[in-house]
Amino acid sequence: MLEKLPRFPRYTSPLISTTHAIILVALSLIVFLVVAGSILITLDYRTRLRNVEQITRNSAIIYHDHIHLMMSAVEGAIRATINELHDNSDPNQLHDFLESVVGSYPTLRTMIVVDSEGVIVADSRPDELAVGIDVSDRQYIIVHQQQWLTSLYVDDPVMSRVDGAWSIPISTAIRDDSGNILYYIVASIEPLYFTGIFAGNNLPQSNHGFITNKRGVVLASIPFTENHISSEIVNYERYLVPQIERTYGHLFDDHPNYIIGYEVIQPYDILVIFGIHPNDFLQPFYMDAALVVVVVLILSGGISLTARYQLKKQTQLLDEVKERQRAEAALQ
């Protein structure tokens, strides 16, 4: 006699429904992890991008204030020299005055007074090496002959004919009541001076800074290199208007695309531009993204293994039920 087996339901829908539920829950969890990981990676990217934009913009704003103060000091020195020329135009006494002015303004490298013919008549250097040199071919002289400027003219960097050093000439012209030029006053700043200012503000190493005149010619850079002096920023016209949105651009033809922050320093028409290469912030982003992907893969793998185990158990149970149903059917 065969032992009578316990009776089982003749349908297996509940087991099949459980199997479907396991598959649905597993897939839902995996999709949730993938979506959550994607959102985290996107938020991380956007946060880092905003931080880089903020760094470049803040750097430009900080140095806008620094350079504006410096240019105001230069303008004050030039105005003091203009007043001195109105009171006393004797070259010997002018030298003493210029020497004292340069000594009072660490910003200044030299100051010279040039006559209407373009010849230097007074020099702030102790030995007055520049006196007698004809500078009528310099742009900082020619520009005042071509137009009547109401503000200081910031020329491209020039190499001194006295000592061969780079300097940034800033000039103005003194005119009589008829508009005829009587004298030119030229103050010179050393490009390295700007780097000294920048170095005191703990800029990120990846943050490249450039100061240019309104023609886009580089006056100084950080880190300082003479290779950039007198180079021209690519498409500099776009930086002459206030920045209102994220800006990307090539600063030089041989440079990669930078994330750029800039400020225009008025009334001197000087630009201060800072750029960070995207790779400098994307490298840590790639590490974070890789970590998120690994975590998602591990959790997804764990969910998949658990689901497979549960499905295997459900399959075994389903097979067992079917076998018992067949055995029961055979006894009837």
Protein backbone atom coordinates (compact mmCIF):
# COMPACT_ATOMS: atom_id res chain seq x y z
CA MET A 1 0.00 0.00 0.00
CA LEU A 2 1.29 3.37 -0.90
CA GLU A 3 1.17 5.89 1.89
CA LYS A 4 -1.42 8.52 1.22
CA LEU A 5 0.19 11.87 0.62
CA PRO A 6 -1.16 15.08 2.07
CA ARG A 7 -3.39 17.06 -0.22
CA PHE A 8 -2.00 20.19 -1.88
CA PRO A 9 -3.78 22.89 -3.82
CA ARG A 10 -4.07 22.05 -7.48
CA TYR A 11 -2.81 25.46 -8.58
CA THR A 12 0.57 27.14 -8.16
CA SER A 13 -0.42 30.77 -8.83
CA PRO A 14 0.65 32.03 -5.37
CA LEU A 15 4.15 30.64 -5.85
CA ILE A 16 4.37 32.09 -9.34
CA SER A 17 3.15 35.45 -8.04
CA THR A 18 5.82 35.37 -5.32
CA THR A 19 8.47 34.65 -7.94
CA HIS A 20 7.30 37.60 -10.02
CA ALA A 21 7.29 39.79 -6.93
CA ILE A 22 10.90 38.84 -6.12
CA ILE A 23 11.98 39.70 -9.66
CA LEU A 24 10.05 42.99 -9.59
CA VAL A 25 11.46 44.03 -6.20
CA ALA A 26 15.03 43.13 -7.22
CA LEU A 27 14.78 45.07 -10.48
CA SER A 28 13.18 48.02 -8.70
CA LEU A 29 15.97 48.15 -6.13
CA ILE A 30 18.66 47.96 -8.82
CA VAL A 31 16.97 50.70 -10.86
CA PHE A 32 16.67 52.82 -7.70
CA LEU A 33 20.39 52.38 -6.97
CA VAL A 34 21.34 53.29 -10.54
CA VAL A 35 19.13 56.40 -10.53
CA ALA A 36 20.31 57.45 -7.05
CA GLY A 37 23.94 56.97 -8.09
CA SER A 38 23.38 59.02 -11.25
CA ILE A 39 21.79 61.81 -9.23
CA LEU A 40 24.67 61.81 -6.74
CA ILE A 41 27.24 61.96 -9.56
CA THR A 42 25.36 64.79 -11.28
CA LEU A 43 25.02 66.79 -8.06
CA ASP A 44 28.70 66.27 -7.28
CA TYR A 45 29.68 67.49 -10.76
CA ARG A 46 27.48 70.57 -10.54
CA THR A 47 28.66 71.39 -7.03
CA ARG A 48 32.32 71.17 -8.04
CA LEU A 49 31.66 73.22 -11.16
CA ARG A 50 29.96 75.95 -9.09
CA ASN A 51 32.88 75.91 -6.65
CA VAL A 52 35.37 76.40 -9.49
CA GLU A 53 33.30 79.23 -10.94
CA GLN A 54 33.17 80.84 -7.49
CA ILE A 55 36.94 80.52 -7.07
CA THR A 56 37.67 82.25 -10.37
CA ARG A 57 35.06 84.97 -9.82
CA ASN A 58 36.18 85.64 -6.23
CA SER A 59 39.83 85.77 -7.30
CA ALA A 60 38.99 88.32 -9.99
CA ILE A 61 36.95 90.42 -7.54
CA ILE A 62 39.71 90.38 -4.90
CA TYR A 63 42.38 91.49 -7.36
CA HIS A 64 40.07 94.02 -8.93
CA ASP A 65 40.09 95.79 -5.56
CA HIS A 66 43.86 95.37 -5.11
CA ILE A 67 44.72 96.68 -8.56
CA HIS A 68 42.23 99.53 -8.37
CA LEU A 69 43.91 100.72 -5.17
CA MET A 70 47.31 100.37 -6.79
CA MET A 71 46.26 102.32 -9.89
CA SER A 72 44.70 104.99 -7.69
CA ALA A 73 48.08 105.36 -5.98
CA VAL A 74 49.83 105.66 -9.35
CA GLU A 75 47.29 108.26 -10.44
CA GLY A 76 47.90 110.17 -7.22
CA ALA A 77 51.66 110.16 -7.85
CA ILE A 78 51.15 111.43 -11.41
CA ARG A 79 48.79 114.19 -10.26
CA ALA A 80 51.29 115.25 -7.62
CA THR A 81 53.93 115.47 -10.35
CA ILE A 82 51.59 117.55 -12.52
CA ASN A 83 51.09 119.98 -9.65
CA GLU A 84 54.85 120.15 -9.12
CA LEU A 85 55.41 120.93 -12.81
CA HIS A 86 52.92 123.77 -12.62
CA ASP A 87 54.84 125.23 -9.68
CA ASN A 88 58.39 124.43 -10.77
CA SER A 89 59.67 122.98 -14.05
CA ASP A 90 63.37 123.11 -13.25
CA PRO A 91 64.79 119.66 -14.24
CA ASN A 92 67.20 119.48 -11.31
CA GLN A 93 64.47 120.05 -8.75
CA LEU A 94 62.13 117.76 -10.66
CA HIS A 95 64.60 114.91 -10.20
CA ASP A 96 64.57 115.32 -6.44
CA PHE A 97 60.77 115.43 -6.44
CA LEU A 98 60.43 112.33 -8.66
CA GLU A 99 62.92 110.42 -6.53
CA SER A 100 60.93 111.22 -3.41
CA VAL A 101 57.64 110.21 -5.06
CA VAL A 102 58.96 106.84 -6.22
CA GLY A 103 60.39 106.30 -2.76
CA SER A 104 56.95 106.91 -1.28
CA TYR A 105 55.14 104.50 -3.63
CA PRO A 106 56.54 100.95 -3.64
CA THR A 107 54.26 100.27 -6.59
CA LEU A 108 56.42 102.43 -8.86
CA ARG A 109 59.59 101.32 -10.58
CA THR A 110 60.47 104.68 -12.13
CA MET A 111 58.93 108.01 -13.09
CA ILE A 112 60.07 110.23 -15.94
CA VAL A 113 59.07 113.60 -17.35
CA VAL A 114 59.25 113.92 -21.14
CA ASP A 115 59.20 117.21 -23.01
CA SER A 116 56.94 118.01 -25.96
CA GLU A 117 59.59 116.67 -28.39
CA GLY A 118 59.64 113.26 -26.74
CA VAL A 119 62.97 113.64 -24.92
CA ILE A 120 63.28 112.68 -21.26
CA VAL A 121 64.14 115.73 -19.13
CA ALA A 122 63.78 114.28 -15.63
CA ASP A 123 64.24 110.77 -14.22
CA SER A 124 63.55 109.39 -10.77
CA ARG A 125 66.65 107.16 -10.82
CA PRO A 126 69.45 108.41 -8.56
CA ASP A 127 71.87 108.70 -11.48
CA GLU A 128 69.21 109.91 -13.97
CA LEU A 129 70.41 107.49 -16.64
CA ALA A 130 67.33 108.05 -18.78
CA VAL A 131 67.72 111.84 -19.17
CA GLY A 132 68.32 112.79 -22.81
CA ILE A 133 66.89 109.57 -24.28
CA ASP A 134 64.41 110.09 -27.11
CA VAL A 135 61.20 108.11 -26.49
CA SER A 136 59.06 109.84 -29.11
CA ASP A 137 58.56 106.47 -30.85
CA ARG A 138 56.98 104.85 -27.80
CA GLN A 139 53.24 104.24 -27.97
CA TYR A 140 52.71 105.85 -24.56
CA ILE A 141 53.85 109.11 -26.19
CA ILE A 142 52.28 108.70 -29.63
CA VAL A 143 48.80 107.95 -28.29
CA HIS A 144 48.56 111.40 -26.65
CA GLN A 145 49.55 113.05 -29.93
CA GLN A 146 46.76 111.20 -31.72
CA GLN A 147 43.97 111.84 -29.23
CA TRP A 148 43.14 113.80 -26.11
CA LEU A 149 42.75 111.22 -23.37
CA THR A 150 40.90 112.05 -20.17
CA SER A 151 42.27 109.04 -18.27
CA LEU A 152 45.63 107.41 -17.83
CA TYR A 153 46.97 105.37 -20.72
CA VAL A 154 48.19 101.88 -19.81
CA ASP A 155 50.62 100.82 -22.51
CA ASP A 156 51.81 97.35 -23.46
CA PRO A 157 54.85 96.18 -21.48
CA VAL A 158 58.11 97.57 -22.85
CA MET A 159 61.74 96.70 -22.31
CA SER A 160 63.67 99.59 -20.80
CA ARG A 161 66.33 101.22 -22.97
CA VAL A 162 68.29 101.95 -19.81
CA ASP A 163 68.55 98.59 -18.05
CA GLY A 164 66.66 96.16 -20.31
CA ALA A 165 64.06 95.33 -17.66
CA TRP A 166 60.36 94.86 -18.40
CA SER A 167 58.07 97.63 -17.23
CA ILE A 168 54.45 98.71 -17.69
CA PRO A 169 54.28 102.39 -18.70
CA ILE A 170 51.33 104.45 -17.52
CA SER A 171 51.24 107.90 -19.05
CA THR A 172 49.35 111.16 -19.32
CA ALA A 173 49.98 114.47 -21.11
CA ILE A 174 50.03 118.00 -19.71
CA ARG A 175 48.53 120.53 -22.12
CA ASP A 176 48.22 124.29 -22.20
CA ASP A 177 44.94 126.14 -22.59
CA SER A 178 45.12 125.71 -26.37
CA GLY A 179 45.53 121.95 -26.10
CA ASN A 180 49.22 121.90 -27.02
CA ILE A 181 51.29 119.27 -25.21
CA LEU A 182 53.84 120.67 -22.78
CA TYR A 183 55.03 117.53 -21.04
CA TYR A 184 54.34 113.82 -20.73
CA ILE A 185 54.51 112.12 -17.38
CA VAL A 186 55.23 108.41 -17.42
CA ALA A 187 55.10 106.13 -14.39
CA SER A 188 56.40 102.58 -14.75
CA ILE A 189 55.40 99.47 -12.80
CA GLU A 190 57.37 96.26 -12.75
CA PRO A 191 55.29 93.24 -13.91
CA LEU A 192 56.72 91.11 -11.12
CA TYR A 193 55.11 93.50 -8.64
CA PHE A 194 51.68 92.11 -9.55
CA THR A 195 52.87 88.58 -8.89
CA GLY A 196 54.02 89.71 -5.46
CA ILE A 197 50.48 90.96 -4.77
CA PHE A 198 48.95 87.72 -5.99
CA ALA A 199 51.31 85.52 -4.01
CA GLY A 200 49.96 86.82 -0.73
CA ASN A 201 46.43 85.59 -1.27
CA ASN A 202 46.77 81.78 -1.25
CA LEU A 203 45.39 81.12 -4.70
CA PRO A 204 44.82 77.48 -5.72
CA GLN A 205 47.75 76.18 -7.74
CA SER A 206 45.45 75.48 -10.67
CA ASN A 207 44.18 79.08 -10.76
CA HIS A 208 46.02 81.02 -13.46
CA GLY A 209 45.76 84.80 -13.26
CA PHE A 210 46.46 87.43 -15.89
CA ILE A 211 46.28 91.22 -15.92
CA THR A 212 45.83 92.83 -19.31
CA ASN A 213 45.19 96.27 -20.71
CA LYS A 214 42.06 97.00 -22.76
CA ARG A 215 43.76 95.64 -25.88
CA GLY A 216 44.13 92.22 -24.25
CA VAL A 217 47.93 92.43 -23.94
CA VAL A 218 49.23 90.66 -20.84
CA LEU A 219 50.85 92.99 -18.32
CA ALA A 220 51.54 90.37 -15.64
CA SER A 221 50.68 86.80 -14.80
CA ILE A 222 50.63 84.26 -11.99
CA PRO A 223 52.64 82.15 -11.81
CA PHE A 224 54.98 84.79 -13.16
CA THR A 225 56.67 84.04 -16.46
CA GLU A 226 58.16 86.40 -18.99
CA ASN A 227 56.83 84.14 -21.75
CA HIS A 228 53.35 85.57 -21.19
CA ILE A 229 54.37 89.24 -21.02
CA SER A 230 53.08 91.11 -24.08
CA SER A 231 51.13 88.05 -25.23
CA GLU A 232 47.58 88.75 -26.34
CA ILE A 233 44.58 87.07 -24.75
CA VAL A 234 42.42 85.30 -27.35
CA ASN A 235 39.07 87.01 -28.00
CA TYR A 236 39.75 89.53 -25.23
CA GLU A 237 36.81 91.71 -26.39
CA ARG A 238 34.40 89.31 -24.71
CA TYR A 239 35.93 90.20 -21.33
CA LEU A 240 35.32 93.94 -21.70
CA VAL A 241 31.71 93.59 -20.54
CA PRO A 242 30.62 92.57 -17.02
CA GLN A 243 30.46 88.82 -16.43
CA ILE A 244 26.92 87.56 -15.85
CA GLU A 245 27.18 83.86 -16.66
CA ARG A 246 29.57 80.92 -16.75
CA THR A 247 32.40 81.61 -19.17
CA TYR A 248 34.64 79.17 -20.99
CA GLY A 249 37.49 80.14 -23.27
CA HIS A 250 41.02 79.70 -24.55
CA LEU A 251 43.21 82.35 -22.95
CA PHE A 252 45.94 81.73 -25.51
CA ASP A 253 46.07 79.81 -28.77
CA ASP A 254 48.16 77.03 -27.21
CA HIS A 255 46.05 76.83 -24.03
CA PRO A 256 43.18 74.41 -23.36
CA ASN A 257 39.65 75.55 -22.54
CA TYR A 258 39.43 77.23 -19.12
CA ILE A 259 36.61 78.09 -16.77
CA ILE A 260 37.08 81.84 -16.52
CA GLY A 261 36.26 84.59 -14.05
CA TYR A 262 37.12 88.19 -14.84
CA GLU A 263 36.63 91.80 -13.81
CA VAL A 264 37.10 95.11 -15.65
CA ILE A 265 38.91 97.78 -13.64
CA GLN A 266 37.53 101.19 -14.48
CA PRO A 267 38.42 103.90 -15.35
CA TYR A 268 41.76 102.35 -16.26
CA ASP A 269 40.42 99.74 -18.72
CA ILE A 270 42.48 97.00 -17.10
CA LEU A 271 41.27 93.42 -17.11
CA VAL A 272 41.98 90.87 -14.41
CA ILE A 273 41.27 87.33 -15.62
CA PHE A 274 41.49 84.02 -13.77
CA GLY A 275 41.08 80.60 -15.32
CA ILE A 276 41.03 77.02 -14.05
CA HIS A 277 41.35 74.02 -16.35
CA PRO A 278 38.32 71.68 -15.99
CA ASN A 279 40.60 68.68 -15.37
CA ASP A 280 41.79 70.31 -12.16
CA PHE A 281 38.36 69.85 -10.62
CA LEU A 282 37.29 66.81 -12.67
CA GLN A 283 40.06 64.57 -11.33
CA PRO A 284 38.59 64.38 -7.79
CA PHE A 285 35.13 64.21 -9.38
CA TYR A 286 36.17 61.14 -11.36
CA MET A 287 37.31 59.50 -8.12
CA ASP A 288 33.97 60.26 -6.44
CA ALA A 289 32.05 59.03 -9.48
CA ALA A 290 34.08 55.82 -9.59
CA LEU A 291 33.37 55.24 -5.88
CA VAL A 292 29.62 55.71 -6.43
CA VAL A 293 29.68 53.32 -9.39
CA VAL A 294 31.54 50.68 -7.37
CA VAL A 295 29.07 50.98 -4.47
CA VAL A 296 26.11 50.72 -6.87
CA LEU A 297 27.63 47.66 -8.54
CA ILE A 298 28.31 45.95 -5.20
CA LEU A 299 24.81 46.64 -3.86
CA SER A 300 23.23 45.62 -7.18
CA GLY A 301 25.27 42.45 -7.16
CA GLY A 302 24.14 41.70 -3.61
CA ILE A 303 20.50 42.28 -4.54
CA SER A 304 20.91 40.09 -7.62
CA LEU A 305 22.45 37.25 -5.63
CA THR A 306 19.73 37.47 -2.97
CA ALA A 307 17.02 37.48 -5.62
CA ARG A 308 18.58 34.47 -7.36
CA TYR A 309 18.73 32.60 -4.07
CA GLN A 310 15.08 33.36 -3.33
CA LEU A 311 14.07 32.42 -6.86
CA LYS A 312 15.94 29.15 -6.54
CA LYS A 313 14.08 28.37 -3.32
CA GLN A 314 10.78 29.29 -4.94
CA THR A 315 11.59 27.10 -7.94
CA GLN A 316 12.44 24.15 -5.70
CA LEU A 317 9.22 24.65 -3.75
CA LEU A 318 7.24 24.93 -6.96
CA ASP A 319 8.79 21.72 -8.32
CA GLU A 320 8.03 19.96 -5.05
CA VAL A 321 4.39 21.05 -5.16
CA LYS A 322 4.04 19.92 -8.76
CA GLU A 323 5.60 16.54 -7.96
CA ARG A 324 3.26 15.98 -5.03
CA GLN A 325 0.31 16.99 -7.17
CA ARG A 326 1.32 14.47 -9.80
CA ALA A 327 1.71 11.76 -7.14
CA GLU A 328 -1.70 12.60 -5.68
CA ALA A 329 -3.25 12.50 -9.10
CA ALA A 330 -1.74 9.07 -9.72
CA LEU A 331 -3.36 7.68 -6.53
CA GLN A 332 -6.82 8.82 -7.46
